[in-house]
């Protein structure tokens, strides 16, 4: 699943930042490098705070205590796994 597909208020764990460019060139993907520099690294928890009203772009993401506005194309580079919470798996007491 990609970060761009995460719903508002959902939390997930980053599994990978894709470094492949759409044109399959051998150039380094500067967007992926920048995302990793900003803290979008595997194992990190992320949450979608809100999405833009026109097509869900941009997306406001929280990583730790920091919030970032990402374009949908940038969020699509980040692969995630949904976080299991008591509410999401139906655990009862």
N, C-alpha and C. Protein backbone atom coordinates (compact mmCIF):
# COMPACT_ATOMS: atom_id res chain seq x y z
N UNK A 1 0.85 -1.17 0.00
CA UNK A 1 0.00 0.00 0.00
C UNK A 1 0.90 1.24 0.00
N UNK A 2 0.44 2.29 -0.64
CA UNK A 2 1.20 3.53 -0.72
C UNK A 2 0.64 4.57 0.25
N UNK A 3 1.50 5.48 0.69
CA UNK A 3 1.09 6.52 1.63
C UNK A 3 -0.04 7.37 1.05
N UNK A 4 -0.06 7.55 -0.24
CA UNK A 4 -1.12 8.35 -0.88
C UNK A 4 -2.50 7.70 -0.74
N UNK A 5 -2.55 6.39 -0.44
CA UNK A 5 -3.81 5.66 -0.30
C UNK A 5 -4.33 5.64 1.14
N UNK A 6 -3.51 6.06 2.09
CA UNK A 6 -3.90 6.04 3.50
C UNK A 6 -5.02 7.05 3.74
N UNK A 7 -6.00 6.66 4.54
CA UNK A 7 -7.13 7.54 4.83
C UNK A 7 -6.77 8.51 5.95
N UNK A 8 -7.53 9.59 6.03
CA UNK A 8 -7.33 10.60 7.06
C UNK A 8 -7.47 9.95 8.44
N UNK A 9 -6.55 10.27 9.34
CA UNK A 9 -6.46 9.79 10.73
C UNK A 9 -5.94 8.36 10.84
N UNK A 10 -5.64 7.69 9.72
CA UNK A 10 -5.05 6.35 9.79
C UNK A 10 -3.55 6.47 10.02
N UNK A 11 -3.02 5.48 10.73
CA UNK A 11 -1.59 5.43 11.03
C UNK A 11 -1.00 4.19 10.37
N UNK A 12 0.23 4.33 9.89
CA UNK A 12 0.91 3.22 9.24
C UNK A 12 2.41 3.31 9.54
N UNK A 13 3.12 2.26 9.16
CA UNK A 13 4.57 2.19 9.31
C UNK A 13 5.19 2.18 7.91
N UNK A 14 6.18 3.02 7.71
CA UNK A 14 6.86 3.06 6.41
C UNK A 14 7.66 1.78 6.23
N UNK A 15 7.48 1.14 5.07
CA UNK A 15 8.24 -0.07 4.77
C UNK A 15 9.35 0.19 3.75
N UNK A 16 9.14 1.20 2.88
CA UNK A 16 10.13 1.44 1.82
C UNK A 16 9.86 2.78 1.14
N UNK A 17 10.92 3.44 0.71
CA UNK A 17 10.80 4.62 -0.15
C UNK A 17 11.31 4.20 -1.53
N UNK A 18 10.42 4.23 -2.52
CA UNK A 18 10.79 3.81 -3.88
C UNK A 18 11.71 4.82 -4.53
N UNK A 19 12.79 4.32 -5.09
CA UNK A 19 13.77 5.19 -5.74
C UNK A 19 13.72 5.08 -7.26
N UNK A 20 12.75 4.35 -7.80
CA UNK A 20 12.67 4.20 -9.25
C UNK A 20 11.97 5.40 -9.86
N UNK A 21 12.54 5.91 -10.92
CA UNK A 21 11.95 7.03 -11.65
C UNK A 21 10.98 6.50 -12.69
N UNK A 22 10.00 7.29 -13.03
CA UNK A 22 8.99 6.85 -14.00
C UNK A 22 9.57 6.64 -15.39
N UNK A 23 10.67 7.31 -15.72
CA UNK A 23 11.26 7.16 -17.06
C UNK A 23 12.37 6.10 -17.09
N UNK A 24 12.55 5.36 -15.99
CA UNK A 24 13.54 4.27 -15.89
C UNK A 24 14.96 4.72 -16.21
N UNK A 25 15.28 5.97 -15.95
CA UNK A 25 16.64 6.44 -16.19
C UNK A 25 17.55 6.02 -15.04
N UNK A 26 18.85 6.18 -15.25
CA UNK A 26 19.81 5.80 -14.22
C UNK A 26 20.10 6.95 -13.26
N UNK A 27 19.43 8.08 -13.44
CA UNK A 27 19.63 9.24 -12.57
C UNK A 27 19.10 8.95 -11.17
N UNK A 28 19.73 9.52 -10.15
CA UNK A 28 19.21 9.32 -8.79
C UNK A 28 17.88 10.04 -8.62
N UNK A 29 16.99 9.45 -7.84
CA UNK A 29 15.69 10.06 -7.58
C UNK A 29 15.85 11.06 -6.43
N UNK A 30 15.90 12.33 -6.76
CA UNK A 30 16.14 13.37 -5.76
C UNK A 30 14.98 13.52 -4.79
N UNK A 31 13.76 13.26 -5.24
CA UNK A 31 12.60 13.35 -4.35
C UNK A 31 12.69 12.28 -3.28
N UNK A 32 13.00 11.04 -3.67
CA UNK A 32 13.12 9.95 -2.70
C UNK A 32 14.24 10.24 -1.71
N UNK A 33 15.35 10.75 -2.18
CA UNK A 33 16.45 11.10 -1.29
C UNK A 33 16.04 12.17 -0.29
N UNK A 34 15.31 13.17 -0.77
CA UNK A 34 14.87 14.26 0.11
C UNK A 34 13.87 13.74 1.14
N UNK A 35 12.96 12.87 0.74
CA UNK A 35 12.00 12.30 1.69
C UNK A 35 12.72 11.55 2.81
N UNK A 36 13.72 10.77 2.46
CA UNK A 36 14.49 10.05 3.47
C UNK A 36 15.22 11.01 4.39
N UNK A 37 15.77 12.08 3.85
CA UNK A 37 16.45 13.09 4.67
C UNK A 37 15.49 13.73 5.67
N UNK A 38 14.24 13.90 5.26
CA UNK A 38 13.23 14.51 6.13
C UNK A 38 12.69 13.56 7.20
N UNK A 39 13.06 12.26 7.13
CA UNK A 39 12.63 11.32 8.15
C UNK A 39 11.68 10.24 7.69
N UNK A 40 11.39 10.19 6.39
CA UNK A 40 10.53 9.15 5.85
C UNK A 40 11.39 7.92 5.58
N UNK A 41 11.67 7.16 6.63
CA UNK A 41 12.55 5.99 6.54
C UNK A 41 11.80 4.76 7.04
N UNK A 42 12.18 3.57 6.57
CA UNK A 42 11.52 2.35 7.00
C UNK A 42 11.49 2.21 8.53
N UNK A 43 10.33 1.78 9.04
CA UNK A 43 10.14 1.59 10.47
C UNK A 43 9.53 2.78 11.17
N UNK A 44 9.41 3.90 10.47
CA UNK A 44 8.86 5.12 11.06
C UNK A 44 7.34 5.14 10.94
N UNK A 45 6.68 5.59 12.00
CA UNK A 45 5.23 5.72 12.01
C UNK A 45 4.81 7.02 11.34
N UNK A 46 3.77 6.94 10.49
CA UNK A 46 3.24 8.12 9.81
C UNK A 46 1.72 8.14 9.95
N UNK A 47 1.16 9.34 9.92
CA UNK A 47 -0.29 9.49 9.99
C UNK A 47 -0.72 10.58 9.01
N UNK A 48 -1.84 10.32 8.32
CA UNK A 48 -2.42 11.34 7.46
C UNK A 48 -3.30 12.22 8.33
N UNK A 49 -3.01 13.51 8.36
CA UNK A 49 -3.78 14.46 9.17
C UNK A 49 -4.99 14.96 8.38
N UNK A 50 -4.77 15.37 7.15
CA UNK A 50 -5.86 15.82 6.28
C UNK A 50 -5.41 15.76 4.83
N UNK A 51 -6.38 15.84 3.93
CA UNK A 51 -6.09 15.86 2.49
C UNK A 51 -6.77 17.06 1.87
N UNK A 52 -6.19 17.57 0.80
CA UNK A 52 -6.77 18.69 0.08
C UNK A 52 -8.14 18.35 -0.47
N UNK A 53 -8.98 19.36 -0.65
CA UNK A 53 -10.36 19.11 -1.08
C UNK A 53 -10.48 18.83 -2.57
N UNK A 54 -9.49 19.18 -3.35
CA UNK A 54 -9.54 18.95 -4.79
C UNK A 54 -8.66 17.76 -5.15
N UNK A 55 -9.23 16.57 -5.18
CA UNK A 55 -8.49 15.38 -5.55
C UNK A 55 -7.54 14.86 -4.49
N UNK A 56 -7.67 15.35 -3.25
CA UNK A 56 -6.83 14.87 -2.17
C UNK A 56 -5.38 15.34 -2.24
N UNK A 57 -5.15 16.45 -2.91
CA UNK A 57 -3.79 16.96 -3.10
C UNK A 57 -3.72 18.40 -2.62
N UNK A 58 -2.80 18.77 -1.74
CA UNK A 58 -1.74 17.99 -1.11
C UNK A 58 -2.26 17.18 0.08
N UNK A 59 -1.38 16.38 0.65
CA UNK A 59 -1.69 15.53 1.80
C UNK A 59 -0.84 16.01 2.97
N UNK A 60 -1.49 16.28 4.10
CA UNK A 60 -0.75 16.69 5.31
C UNK A 60 -0.42 15.43 6.11
N UNK A 61 0.87 15.17 6.26
CA UNK A 61 1.39 13.95 6.90
C UNK A 61 2.10 14.33 8.19
N UNK A 62 1.93 13.50 9.23
CA UNK A 62 2.70 13.69 10.45
C UNK A 62 3.68 12.55 10.60
N UNK A 63 4.95 12.91 10.81
CA UNK A 63 6.03 11.95 11.08
C UNK A 63 6.63 12.38 12.40
N UNK A 64 6.44 11.59 13.45
CA UNK A 64 6.89 12.00 14.77
C UNK A 64 6.11 13.23 15.21
N UNK A 65 6.82 14.30 15.56
CA UNK A 65 6.16 15.54 15.98
C UNK A 65 6.15 16.59 14.86
N UNK A 66 6.55 16.18 13.66
CA UNK A 66 6.67 17.11 12.54
C UNK A 66 5.62 16.81 11.48
N UNK A 67 5.07 17.88 10.90
CA UNK A 67 4.08 17.73 9.84
C UNK A 67 4.65 18.23 8.52
N UNK A 68 4.30 17.51 7.45
CA UNK A 68 4.75 17.84 6.11
C UNK A 68 3.56 17.83 5.17
N UNK A 69 3.53 18.75 4.23
CA UNK A 69 2.55 18.73 3.15
C UNK A 69 3.24 18.11 1.94
N UNK A 70 2.74 16.96 1.51
CA UNK A 70 3.32 16.27 0.36
C UNK A 70 2.34 16.29 -0.80
N UNK A 71 2.87 16.40 -2.00
CA UNK A 71 2.04 16.21 -3.18
C UNK A 71 1.74 14.73 -3.29
N UNK A 72 0.64 14.41 -3.95
CA UNK A 72 0.24 13.02 -4.12
C UNK A 72 1.35 12.20 -4.79
N UNK A 73 2.01 12.77 -5.78
CA UNK A 73 3.08 12.07 -6.50
C UNK A 73 4.24 11.74 -5.57
N UNK A 74 4.51 12.59 -4.60
CA UNK A 74 5.56 12.31 -3.62
C UNK A 74 5.13 11.22 -2.65
N UNK A 75 3.88 11.28 -2.19
CA UNK A 75 3.36 10.28 -1.26
C UNK A 75 3.28 8.89 -1.90
N UNK A 76 3.15 8.85 -3.22
CA UNK A 76 3.09 7.56 -3.92
C UNK A 76 4.44 6.84 -3.92
N UNK A 77 5.52 7.52 -3.64
CA UNK A 77 6.85 6.90 -3.57
C UNK A 77 7.06 6.13 -2.26
N UNK A 78 6.18 6.34 -1.28
CA UNK A 78 6.37 5.76 0.05
C UNK A 78 5.44 4.57 0.24
N UNK A 79 6.03 3.39 0.43
CA UNK A 79 5.25 2.18 0.69
C UNK A 79 5.08 2.02 2.19
N UNK A 80 3.86 1.61 2.60
CA UNK A 80 3.54 1.51 4.02
C UNK A 80 2.85 0.19 4.34
N UNK A 81 2.83 -0.13 5.63
CA UNK A 81 2.02 -1.22 6.17
C UNK A 81 1.13 -0.62 7.24
N UNK A 82 -0.16 -0.96 7.20
CA UNK A 82 -1.08 -0.43 8.20
C UNK A 82 -0.68 -0.89 9.58
N UNK A 83 -0.82 0.00 10.55
CA UNK A 83 -0.53 -0.31 11.94
C UNK A 83 -1.75 -0.99 12.54
N UNK A 84 -1.54 -2.07 13.28
CA UNK A 84 -2.65 -2.73 13.97
C UNK A 84 -2.91 -2.04 15.29
N UNK A 85 -4.17 -1.64 15.49
CA UNK A 85 -4.58 -1.06 16.76
C UNK A 85 -5.73 -1.87 17.30
N UNK A 86 -6.03 -1.73 18.58
CA UNK A 86 -7.14 -2.48 19.18
C UNK A 86 -8.45 -2.19 18.46
N UNK A 87 -8.66 -0.93 18.04
CA UNK A 87 -9.89 -0.56 17.35
C UNK A 87 -9.98 -1.21 15.97
N UNK A 88 -8.85 -1.31 15.27
CA UNK A 88 -8.90 -1.79 13.89
C UNK A 88 -9.01 -3.30 13.80
N UNK A 89 -8.63 -4.04 14.85
CA UNK A 89 -8.70 -5.50 14.76
C UNK A 89 -9.84 -6.07 15.59
N UNK A 90 -10.64 -5.22 16.20
CA UNK A 90 -11.83 -5.67 16.89
C UNK A 90 -11.56 -6.43 18.18
N UNK A 91 -10.56 -6.07 18.92
CA UNK A 91 -10.26 -6.72 20.19
C UNK A 91 -11.29 -6.29 21.22
N UNK A 92 -11.82 -7.25 21.94
CA UNK A 92 -12.78 -6.90 23.00
C UNK A 92 -12.26 -7.35 24.34
N UNK A 93 -12.69 -6.66 25.38
CA UNK A 93 -12.21 -6.96 26.74
C UNK A 93 -13.04 -8.04 27.38
